[in-house]
Amino acid sequence: MIGLLFYIGKTRIKEIDKVVLGYEFPHDSIFALIIRVPSYASGFMWKWSARRSGLEGKIEQFDSRFRWPFIATMVLSIIEMTLVVVAYILMNYFDL
């Protein structure tokens, strides 16, 4: 997931920022990417999320080749958080 985040930060995030915000985000740190990528990924994955966050009319111009790193990062982060919770439960309640 971190590798995909760096890939998105170097190649794709500036393009989508220009369309959505109208300018490039001035501080492109890993922490800024951690905040912005899930919001764009949820807009790419679900129409209701795009409508809710105001991205509905702006993100239709991006094709599936542009969207896949955002969606893959979101899916991997959901899987990672699920595994962390399962590991915590196994360690604390089942002494494994």
PDB file of N, CA and C in Angstrom:
ATOM      1  N   MET A   1       0.814  -1.186   0.000  1.00  0.00           N
ATOM      2  CA  MET A   1       0.000   0.000   0.000  1.00  0.00           C
ATOM      3  C   MET A   1       0.866   1.262   0.000  1.00  0.00           C
ATOM      4  N   ILE A   2       1.942   1.251   0.745  1.00  0.00           N
ATOM      5  CA  ILE A   2       2.824   2.416   0.790  1.00  0.00           C
ATOM      6  C   ILE A   2       3.462   2.662  -0.580  1.00  0.00           C
ATOM      7  N   GLY A   3       3.828   1.587  -1.251  1.00  0.00           N
ATOM      8  CA  GLY A   3       4.389   1.719  -2.602  1.00  0.00           C
ATOM      9  C   GLY A   3       3.394   2.343  -3.567  1.00  0.00           C
ATOM     10  N   LEU A   4       2.156   1.916  -3.503  1.00  0.00           N
ATOM     11  CA  LEU A   4       1.124   2.515  -4.349  1.00  0.00           C
ATOM     12  C   LEU A   4       0.888   3.972  -3.982  1.00  0.00           C
ATOM     13  N   LEU A   5       0.976   4.293  -2.715  1.00  0.00           N
ATOM     14  CA  LEU A   5       0.806   5.678  -2.285  1.00  0.00           C
ATOM     15  C   LEU A   5       1.898   6.576  -2.866  1.00  0.00           C
ATOM     16  N   PHE A   6       3.137   6.089  -2.856  1.00  0.00           N
ATOM     17  CA  PHE A   6       4.225   6.862  -3.464  1.00  0.00           C
ATOM     18  C   PHE A   6       4.036   6.984  -4.977  1.00  0.00           C
ATOM     19  N   TYR A   7       3.564   5.913  -5.614  1.00  0.00           N
ATOM     20  CA  TYR A   7       3.303   5.947  -7.051  1.00  0.00           C
ATOM     21  C   TYR A   7       2.232   6.978  -7.386  1.00  0.00           C
ATOM     22  N   ILE A   8       1.164   6.982  -6.616  1.00  0.00           N
ATOM     23  CA  ILE A   8       0.096   7.961  -6.829  1.00  0.00           C
ATOM     24  C   ILE A   8       0.610   9.373  -6.608  1.00  0.00           C
ATOM     25  N   GLY A   9       1.415   9.555  -5.579  1.00  0.00           N
ATOM     26  CA  GLY A   9       1.938  10.881  -5.261  1.00  0.00           C
ATOM     27  C   GLY A   9       2.848  11.442  -6.331  1.00  0.00           C
ATOM     28  N   LYS A  10       3.594  10.572  -6.981  1.00  0.00           N
ATOM     29  CA  LYS A  10       4.522  11.044  -8.014  1.00  0.00           C
ATOM     30  C   LYS A  10       3.871  11.215  -9.380  1.00  0.00           C
ATOM     31  N   THR A  11       2.793  10.474  -9.666  1.00  0.00           N
ATOM     32  CA  THR A  11       2.271  10.482 -11.029  1.00  0.00           C
ATOM     33  C   THR A  11       0.862  11.041 -11.167  1.00  0.00           C
ATOM     34  N   ARG A  12      -0.050  10.736 -10.253  1.00  0.00           N
ATOM     35  CA  ARG A  12      -1.462  10.976 -10.533  1.00  0.00           C
ATOM     36  C   ARG A  12      -2.147  12.034  -9.682  1.00  0.00           C
ATOM     37  N   ILE A  13      -1.663  12.271  -8.514  1.00  0.00           N
ATOM     38  CA  ILE A  13      -2.397  13.141  -7.591  1.00  0.00           C
ATOM     39  C   ILE A  13      -2.442  14.592  -8.083  1.00  0.00           C
ATOM     40  N   LYS A  14      -1.403  15.038  -8.780  1.00  0.00           N
ATOM     41  CA  LYS A  14      -1.392  16.416  -9.271  1.00  0.00           C
ATOM     42  C   LYS A  14      -2.448  16.637 -10.351  1.00  0.00           C
ATOM     43  N   GLU A  15      -2.663  15.616 -11.192  1.00  0.00           N
ATOM     44  CA  GLU A  15      -3.684  15.736 -12.240  1.00  0.00           C
ATOM     45  C   GLU A  15      -5.082  15.858 -11.649  1.00  0.00           C
ATOM     46  N   ILE A  16      -5.388  15.022 -10.681  1.00  0.00           N
ATOM     47  CA  ILE A  16      -6.727  15.060 -10.102  1.00  0.00           C
ATOM     48  C   ILE A  16      -6.918  16.297  -9.233  1.00  0.00           C
ATOM     49  N   ASP A  17      -5.860  16.772  -8.599  1.00  0.00           N
ATOM     50  CA  ASP A  17      -5.969  18.017  -7.829  1.00  0.00           C
ATOM     51  C   ASP A  17      -6.289  19.200  -8.729  1.00  0.00           C
ATOM     52  N   LYS A  18      -5.682  19.234  -9.932  1.00  0.00           N
ATOM     53  CA  LYS A  18      -5.963  20.318 -10.868  1.00  0.00           C
ATOM     54  C   LYS A  18      -7.424  20.327 -11.284  1.00  0.00           C
ATOM     55  N   VAL A  19      -7.999  19.139 -11.465  1.00  0.00           N
ATOM     56  CA  VAL A  19      -9.397  19.060 -11.890  1.00  0.00           C
ATOM     57  C   VAL A  19     -10.339  19.366 -10.732  1.00  0.00           C
ATOM     58  N   VAL A  20     -10.087  18.771  -9.581  1.00  0.00           N
ATOM     59  CA  VAL A  20     -11.012  18.900  -8.455  1.00  0.00           C
ATOM     60  C   VAL A  20     -10.859  20.245  -7.754  1.00  0.00           C
ATOM     61  N   LEU A  21      -9.631  20.615  -7.422  1.00  0.00           N
ATOM     62  CA  LEU A  21      -9.397  21.838  -6.665  1.00  0.00           C
ATOM     63  C   LEU A  21      -9.158  23.057  -7.545  1.00  0.00           C
ATOM     64  N   GLY A  22      -8.698  22.830  -8.766  1.00  0.00           N
ATOM     65  CA  GLY A  22      -8.375  23.933  -9.662  1.00  0.00           C
ATOM     66  C   GLY A  22      -6.920  24.356  -9.587  1.00  0.00           C
ATOM     67  N   TYR A  23      -6.153  23.768  -8.716  1.00  0.00           N
ATOM     68  CA  TYR A  23      -4.731  24.055  -8.565  1.00  0.00           C
ATOM     69  C   TYR A  23      -4.044  22.830  -7.986  1.00  0.00           C
ATOM     70  N   GLU A  24      -2.709  22.836  -8.073  1.00  0.00           N
ATOM     71  CA  GLU A  24      -1.944  21.741  -7.463  1.00  0.00           C
ATOM     72  C   GLU A  24      -1.821  21.988  -5.968  1.00  0.00           C
ATOM     73  N   PHE A  25      -1.944  20.940  -5.202  1.00  0.00           N
ATOM     74  CA  PHE A  25      -1.814  21.043  -3.754  1.00  0.00           C
ATOM     75  C   PHE A  25      -0.366  21.421  -3.436  1.00  0.00           C
ATOM     76  N   PRO A  26      -0.107  22.461  -2.658  1.00  0.00           N
ATOM     77  CA  PRO A  26       1.262  22.958  -2.483  1.00  0.00           C
ATOM     78  C   PRO A  26       2.190  22.025  -1.707  1.00  0.00           C
ATOM     79  N   HIS A  27       1.686  21.262  -0.749  1.00  0.00           N
ATOM     80  CA  HIS A  27       2.539  20.414   0.077  1.00  0.00           C
ATOM     81  C   HIS A  27       2.209  18.953  -0.204  1.00  0.00           C
ATOM     82  N   ASP A  28       3.083  18.312  -0.946  1.00  0.00           N
ATOM     83  CA  ASP A  28       2.843  16.923  -1.320  1.00  0.00           C
ATOM     84  C   ASP A  28       3.643  15.994  -0.426  1.00  0.00           C
ATOM     85  N   SER A  29       3.300  15.912   0.829  1.00  0.00           N
ATOM     86  CA  SER A  29       3.969  14.996   1.734  1.00  0.00           C
ATOM     87  C   SER A  29       3.165  13.702   1.808  1.00  0.00           C
ATOM     88  N   ILE A  30       3.732  12.694   2.425  1.00  0.00           N
ATOM     89  CA  ILE A  30       3.048  11.417   2.566  1.00  0.00           C
ATOM     90  C   ILE A  30       1.810  11.567   3.440  1.00  0.00           C
ATOM     91  N   PHE A  31       1.844  12.458   4.400  1.00  0.00           N
ATOM     92  CA  PHE A  31       0.697  12.662   5.280  1.00  0.00           C
ATOM     93  C   PHE A  31      -0.463  13.326   4.539  1.00  0.00           C
ATOM     94  N   ALA A  32      -0.153  14.250   3.639  1.00  0.00           N
ATOM     95  CA  ALA A  32      -1.201  14.862   2.822  1.00  0.00           C
ATOM     96  C   ALA A  32      -1.811  13.828   1.881  1.00  0.00           C
ATOM     97  N   LEU A  33      -0.994  12.926   1.364  1.00  0.00           N
ATOM     98  CA  LEU A  33      -1.507  11.868   0.493  1.00  0.00           C
ATOM     99  C   LEU A  33      -2.404  10.906   1.257  1.00  0.00           C
ATOM    100  N   ILE A  34      -2.050  10.594   2.484  1.00  0.00           N
ATOM    101  CA  ILE A  34      -2.853   9.680   3.298  1.00  0.00           C
ATOM    102  C   ILE A  34      -4.246  10.263   3.537  1.00  0.00           C
ATOM    103  N   ILE A  35      -4.361  11.561   3.559  1.00  0.00           N
ATOM    104  CA  ILE A  35      -5.660  12.198   3.751  1.00  0.00           C
ATOM    105  C   ILE A  35      -6.433  12.292   2.440  1.00  0.00           C
ATOM    106  N   ARG A  36      -5.768  12.646   1.346  1.00  0.00           N
ATOM    107  CA  ARG A  36      -6.467  12.901   0.085  1.00  0.00           C
ATOM    108  C   ARG A  36      -6.810  11.643  -0.697  1.00  0.00           C
ATOM    109  N   VAL A  37      -5.942  10.644  -0.718  1.00  0.00           N
ATOM    110  CA  VAL A  37      -6.158   9.461  -1.550  1.00  0.00           C
ATOM    111  C   VAL A  37      -7.439   8.713  -1.183  1.00  0.00           C
ATOM    112  N   PRO A  38      -7.754   8.462   0.093  1.00  0.00           N
ATOM    113  CA  PRO A  38      -9.020   7.774   0.377  1.00  0.00           C
ATOM    114  C   PRO A  38     -10.263   8.553  -0.057  1.00  0.00           C
ATOM    115  N   SER A  39     -10.222   9.861   0.001  1.00  0.00           N
ATOM    116  CA  SER A  39     -11.397  10.622  -0.424  1.00  0.00           C
ATOM    117  C   SER A  39     -11.604  10.511  -1.931  1.00  0.00           C
ATOM    118  N   TYR A  40     -10.512  10.558  -2.701  1.00  0.00           N
ATOM    119  CA  TYR A  40     -10.631  10.373  -4.144  1.00  0.00           C
ATOM    120  C   TYR A  40     -10.995   8.928  -4.478  1.00  0.00           C
ATOM    121  N   ALA A  41     -10.413   7.969  -3.769  1.00  0.00           N
ATOM    122  CA  ALA A  41     -10.686   6.555  -4.047  1.00  0.00           C
ATOM    123  C   ALA A  41     -12.137   6.212  -3.762  1.00  0.00           C
ATOM    124  N   SER A  42     -12.688   6.733  -2.685  1.00  0.00           N
ATOM    125  CA  SER A  42     -14.094   6.448  -2.401  1.00  0.00           C
ATOM    126  C   SER A  42     -14.992   7.068  -3.467  1.00  0.00           C
ATOM    127  N   GLY A  43     -14.613   8.215  -3.999  1.00  0.00           N
ATOM    128  CA  GLY A  43     -15.365   8.815  -5.102  1.00  0.00           C
ATOM    129  C   GLY A  43     -15.267   7.995  -6.373  1.00  0.00           C
ATOM    130  N   PHE A  44     -14.117   7.368  -6.607  1.00  0.00           N
ATOM    131  CA  PHE A  44     -13.963   6.503  -7.773  1.00  0.00           C
ATOM    132  C   PHE A  44     -14.719   5.188  -7.609  1.00  0.00           C
ATOM    133  N   MET A  45     -14.842   4.704  -6.375  1.00  0.00           N
ATOM    134  CA  MET A  45     -15.462   3.405  -6.141  1.00  0.00           C
ATOM    135  C   MET A  45     -16.989   3.476  -6.090  1.00  0.00           C
ATOM    136  N   TRP A  46     -17.546   4.491  -5.457  1.00  0.00           N
ATOM    137  CA  TRP A  46     -18.985   4.554  -5.244  1.00  0.00           C
ATOM    138  C   TRP A  46     -19.532   5.892  -5.719  1.00  0.00           C
ATOM    139  N   LYS A  47     -20.596   5.826  -6.492  1.00  0.00           N
ATOM    140  CA  LYS A  47     -21.233   7.041  -7.005  1.00  0.00           C
ATOM    141  C   LYS A  47     -21.807   7.907  -5.877  1.00  0.00           C
ATOM    142  N   TRP A  48     -22.397   7.270  -4.860  1.00  0.00           N
ATOM    143  CA  TRP A  48     -22.993   8.058  -3.777  1.00  0.00           C
ATOM    144  C   TRP A  48     -21.933   8.793  -2.986  1.00  0.00           C
ATOM    145  N   SER A  49     -20.728   8.212  -2.892  1.00  0.00           N
ATOM    146  CA  SER A  49     -19.648   8.900  -2.198  1.00  0.00           C
ATOM    147  C   SER A  49     -19.135  10.081  -3.020  1.00  0.00           C
ATOM    148  N   ALA A  50     -19.090   9.910  -4.332  1.00  0.00           N
ATOM    149  CA  ALA A  50     -18.679  11.015  -5.204  1.00  0.00           C
ATOM    150  C   ALA A  50     -19.692  12.154  -5.120  1.00  0.00           C
ATOM    151  N   ARG A  51     -20.961  11.816  -5.094  1.00  0.00           N
ATOM    152  CA  ARG A  51     -22.007  12.832  -4.981  1.00  0.00           C
ATOM    153  C   ARG A  51     -21.926  13.539  -3.634  1.00  0.00           C
ATOM    154  N   ARG A  52     -21.667  12.775  -2.584  1.00  0.00           N
ATOM    155  CA  ARG A  52     -21.612  13.331  -1.232  1.00  0.00           C
ATOM    156  C   ARG A  52     -20.412  14.267  -1.037  1.00  0.00           C
ATOM    157  N   SER A  53     -19.281  13.927  -1.661  1.00  0.00           N
ATOM    158  CA  SER A  53     -18.082  14.741  -1.477  1.00  0.00           C
ATOM    159  C   SER A  53     -17.906  15.820  -2.541  1.00  0.00           C
ATOM    160  N   GLY A  54     -18.842  15.932  -3.464  1.00  0.00           N
ATOM    161  CA  GLY A  54     -18.774  16.979  -4.479  1.00  0.00           C
ATOM    162  C   GLY A  54     -17.876  16.656  -5.646  1.00  0.00           C
ATOM    163  N   LEU A  55     -17.548  15.395  -5.849  1.00  0.00           N
ATOM    164  CA  LEU A  55     -16.669  14.993  -6.944  1.00  0.00           C
ATOM    165  C   LEU A  55     -17.429  14.442  -8.139  1.00  0.00           C
ATOM    166  N   GLU A  56     -18.745  14.414  -8.087  1.00  0.00           N
ATOM    167  CA  GLU A  56     -19.540  13.687  -9.067  1.00  0.00           C
ATOM    168  C   GLU A  56     -19.310  14.153 -10.504  1.00  0.00           C
ATOM    169  N   GLY A  57     -19.340  15.410 -10.771  1.00  0.00           N
ATOM    170  CA  GLY A  57     -19.163  15.885 -12.129  1.00  0.00           C
ATOM    171  C   GLY A  57     -17.710  16.014 -12.552  1.00  0.00           C
ATOM    172  N   LYS A  58     -16.800  15.929 -11.611  1.00  0.00           N
ATOM    173  CA  LYS A  58     -15.397  16.198 -11.906  1.00  0.00           C
ATOM    174  C   LYS A  58     -14.569  14.962 -12.213  1.00  0.00           C
ATOM    175  N   ILE A  59     -14.967  13.791 -11.733  1.00  0.00           N
ATOM    176  CA  ILE A  59     -14.102  12.621 -11.862  1.00  0.00           C
ATOM    177  C   ILE A  59     -14.502  11.686 -12.994  1.00  0.00           C
ATOM    178  N   GLU A  60     -15.578  11.991 -13.727  1.00  0.00           N
ATOM    179  CA  GLU A  60     -15.977  11.118 -14.824  1.00  0.00           C
ATOM    180  C   GLU A  60     -14.984  11.128 -15.975  1.00  0.00           C
ATOM    181  N   GLN A  61     -14.158  12.139 -16.083  1.00  0.00           N
ATOM    182  CA  GLN A  61     -13.218  12.222 -17.193  1.00  0.00           C
ATOM    183  C   GLN A  61     -12.003  11.309 -17.037  1.00  0.00           C
ATOM    184  N   PHE A  62     -11.807  10.727 -15.858  1.00  0.00           N
ATOM    185  CA  PHE A  62     -10.669   9.842 -15.628  1.00  0.00           C
ATOM    186  C   PHE A  62     -11.055   8.411 -15.967  1.00  0.00           C
ATOM    187  N   ASP A  63     -10.215   7.735 -16.747  1.00  0.00           N
ATOM    188  CA  ASP A  63     -10.513   6.368 -17.167  1.00  0.00           C
ATOM    189  C   ASP A  63     -10.095   5.352 -16.100  1.00  0.00           C
ATOM    190  N   SER A  64     -10.357   4.078 -16.378  1.00  0.00           N
ATOM    191  CA  SER A  64     -10.086   3.032 -15.380  1.00  0.00           C
ATOM    192  C   SER A  64      -8.589   2.844 -15.145  1.00  0.00           C
ATOM    193  N   ARG A  65      -7.758   3.117 -16.146  1.00  0.00           N
ATOM    194  CA  ARG A  65      -6.303   3.008 -15.944  1.00  0.00           C
ATOM    195  C   ARG A  65      -5.799   4.067 -14.969  1.00  0.00           C
ATOM    196  N   PHE A  66      -6.459   5.201 -14.930  1.00  0.00           N
ATOM    197  CA  PHE A  66      -6.092   6.247 -13.980  1.00  0.00           C
ATOM    198  C   PHE A  66      -6.607   5.919 -12.583  1.00  0.00           C
ATOM    199  N   ARG A  67      -7.749   5.263 -12.490  1.00  0.00           N
ATOM    200  CA  ARG A  67      -8.416   5.014 -11.214  1.00  0.00           C
ATOM    201  C   ARG A  67      -7.861   3.833 -10.437  1.00  0.00           C
ATOM    202  N   TRP A  68      -7.272   2.844 -11.102  1.00  0.00           N
ATOM    203  CA  TRP A  68      -6.930   1.593 -10.410  1.00  0.00           C
ATOM    204  C   TRP A  68      -5.983   1.762  -9.235  1.00  0.00           C
ATOM    205  N   PRO A  69      -4.953   2.626  -9.258  1.00  0.00           N
ATOM    206  CA  PRO A  69      -4.103   2.743  -8.057  1.00  0.00           C
ATOM    207  C   PRO A  69      -4.849   3.284  -6.842  1.00  0.00           C
ATOM    208  N   PHE A  70      -5.778   4.207  -7.070  1.00  0.00           N
ATOM    209  CA  PHE A  70      -6.566   4.746  -5.966  1.00  0.00           C
ATOM    210  C   PHE A  70      -7.437   3.656  -5.349  1.00  0.00           C
ATOM    211  N   ILE A  71      -8.115   2.899  -6.204  1.00  0.00           N
ATOM    212  CA  ILE A  71      -9.002   1.841  -5.720  1.00  0.00           C
ATOM    213  C   ILE A  71      -8.206   0.728  -5.048  1.00  0.00           C
ATOM    214  N   ALA A  72      -7.067   0.354  -5.623  1.00  0.00           N
ATOM    215  CA  ALA A  72      -6.233  -0.696  -5.024  1.00  0.00           C
ATOM    216  C   ALA A  72      -5.707  -0.264  -3.655  1.00  0.00           C
ATOM    217  N   THR A  73      -5.318   0.978  -3.520  1.00  0.00           N
ATOM    218  CA  THR A  73      -4.848   1.487  -2.232  1.00  0.00           C
ATOM    219  C   THR A  73      -5.956   1.457  -1.195  1.00  0.00           C
ATOM    220  N   MET A  74      -7.159   1.826  -1.595  1.00  0.00           N
ATOM    221  CA  MET A  74      -8.288   1.809  -0.669  1.00  0.00           C
ATOM    222  C   MET A  74      -8.627   0.390  -0.232  1.00  0.00           C
ATOM    223  N   VAL A  75      -8.656  -0.545  -1.171  1.00  0.00           N
ATOM    224  CA  VAL A  75      -8.972  -1.937  -0.838  1.00  0.00           C
ATOM    225  C   VAL A  75      -7.890  -2.526   0.063  1.00  0.00           C
ATOM    226  N   LEU A  76      -6.621  -2.261  -0.244  1.00  0.00           N
ATOM    227  CA  LEU A  76      -5.539  -2.769   0.597  1.00  0.00           C
ATOM    228  C   LEU A  76      -5.578  -2.182   2.003  1.00  0.00           C
ATOM    229  N   SER A  77      -5.942  -0.923   2.127  1.00  0.00           N
ATOM    230  CA  SER A  77      -6.011  -0.339   3.467  1.00  0.00           C
ATOM    231  C   SER A  77      -7.169  -0.930   4.268  1.00  0.00           C
ATOM    232  N   ILE A  78      -8.281  -1.238   3.609  1.00  0.00           N
ATOM    233  CA  ILE A  78      -9.394  -1.889   4.309  1.00  0.00           C
ATOM    234  C   ILE A  78      -8.982  -3.280   4.768  1.00  0.00           C
ATOM    235  N   ILE A  79      -8.289  -4.020   3.912  1.00  0.00           N
ATOM    236  CA  ILE A  79      -7.814  -5.359   4.275  1.00  0.00           C
ATOM    237  C   ILE A  79      -6.808  -5.278   5.423  1.00  0.00           C
ATOM    238  N   GLU A  80      -5.895  -4.319   5.367  1.00  0.00           N
ATOM    239  CA  GLU A  80      -4.901  -4.165   6.430  1.00  0.00           C
ATOM    240  C   GLU A  80      -5.549  -3.857   7.772  1.00  0.00           C
ATOM    241  N   MET A  81      -6.508  -2.964   7.793  1.00  0.00           N
ATOM    242  CA  MET A  81      -7.163  -2.623   9.053  1.00  0.00           C
ATOM    243  C   MET A  81      -7.966  -3.809   9.601  1.00  0.00           C
ATOM    244  N   THR A  82      -8.573  -4.583   8.715  1.00  0.00           N
ATOM    245  CA  THR A  82      -9.286  -5.776   9.149  1.00  0.00           C
ATOM    246  C   THR A  82      -8.327  -6.778   9.771  1.00  0.00           C
ATOM    247  N   LEU A  83      -7.168  -6.976   9.155  1.00  0.00           N
ATOM    248  CA  LEU A  83      -6.175  -7.904   9.699  1.00  0.00           C
ATOM    249  C   LEU A  83      -5.613  -7.427  11.035  1.00  0.00           C
ATOM    250  N   VAL A  84      -5.458  -6.126  11.198  1.00  0.00           N
ATOM    251  CA  VAL A  84      -4.979  -5.588  12.472  1.00  0.00           C
ATOM    252  C   VAL A  84      -6.002  -5.857  13.579  1.00  0.00           C
ATOM    253  N   VAL A  85      -7.272  -5.648  13.277  1.00  0.00           N
ATOM    254  CA  VAL A  85      -8.314  -5.899  14.281  1.00  0.00           C
ATOM    255  C   VAL A  85      -8.388  -7.382  14.625  1.00  0.00           C
ATOM    256  N   VAL A  86      -8.311  -8.255  13.617  1.00  0.00           N
ATOM    257  CA  VAL A  86      -8.339  -9.698  13.866  1.00  0.00           C
ATOM    258  C   VAL A  86      -7.126 -10.120  14.691  1.00  0.00           C
ATOM    259  N   ALA A  87      -5.949  -9.597  14.380  1.00  0.00           N
ATOM    260  CA  ALA A  87      -4.752  -9.926  15.153  1.00  0.00           C
ATOM    261  C   ALA A  87      -4.881  -9.447  16.595  1.00  0.00           C
ATOM    262  N   TYR A  88      -5.437  -8.275  16.800  1.00  0.00           N
ATOM    263  CA  TYR A  88      -5.644  -7.764  18.160  1.00  0.00           C
ATOM    264  C   TYR A  88      -6.597  -8.662  18.949  1.00  0.00           C
ATOM    265  N   ILE A  89      -7.671  -9.066  18.304  1.00  0.00           N
ATOM    266  CA  ILE A  89      -8.630  -9.959  18.976  1.00  0.00           C
ATOM    267  C   ILE A  89      -7.984 -11.292  19.303  1.00  0.00           C
ATOM    268  N   LEU A  90      -7.244 -11.859  18.372  1.00  0.00           N
ATOM    269  CA  LEU A  90      -6.590 -13.145  18.611  1.00  0.00           C
ATOM    270  C   LEU A  90      -5.550 -13.057  19.725  1.00  0.00           C
ATOM    271  N   MET A  91      -4.825 -11.970  19.783  1.00  0.00           N
ATOM    272  CA  MET A  91      -3.794 -11.824  20.795  1.00  0.00           C
ATOM    273  C   MET A  91      -4.377 -11.603  22.193  1.00  0.00           C
ATOM    274  N   ASN A  92      -5.391 -10.775  22.309  1.00  0.00           N
ATOM    275  CA  ASN A  92      -5.918 -10.402  23.615  1.00  0.00           C
ATOM    276  C   ASN A  92      -6.954 -11.366  24.164  1.00  0.00           C
ATOM    277  N   TYR A  93      -7.768 -11.946  23.321  1.00  0.00           N
ATOM    278  CA  TYR A  93      -8.848 -12.761  23.826  1.00  0.00           C
ATOM    279  C   TYR A  93      -8.597 -14.267  23.718  1.00  0.00           C
ATOM    280  N   PHE A  94      -7.728 -14.671  22.819  1.00  0.00           N
ATOM    281  CA  PHE A  94      -7.465 -16.089  22.634  1.00  0.00           C
ATOM    282  C   PHE A  94      -6.039 -16.481  22.968  1.00  0.00           C
ATOM    283  N   ASP A  95      -5.227 -15.536  23.401  1.00  0.00           N
ATOM    284  CA  ASP A  95      -3.827 -15.748  23.793  1.00  0.00           C
ATOM    285  C   ASP A  95      -3.012 -16.478  22.735  1.00  0.00           C
ATOM    286  N   LEU A  96      -3.190 -16.087  21.497  1.00  0.00           N
ATOM    287  CA  LEU A  96      -2.407 -16.690  20.409  1.00  0.00           C
ATOM    288  C   LEU A  96      -1.227 -15.849  20.055  1.00  0.00           C
TER     289      LEU A  96
END
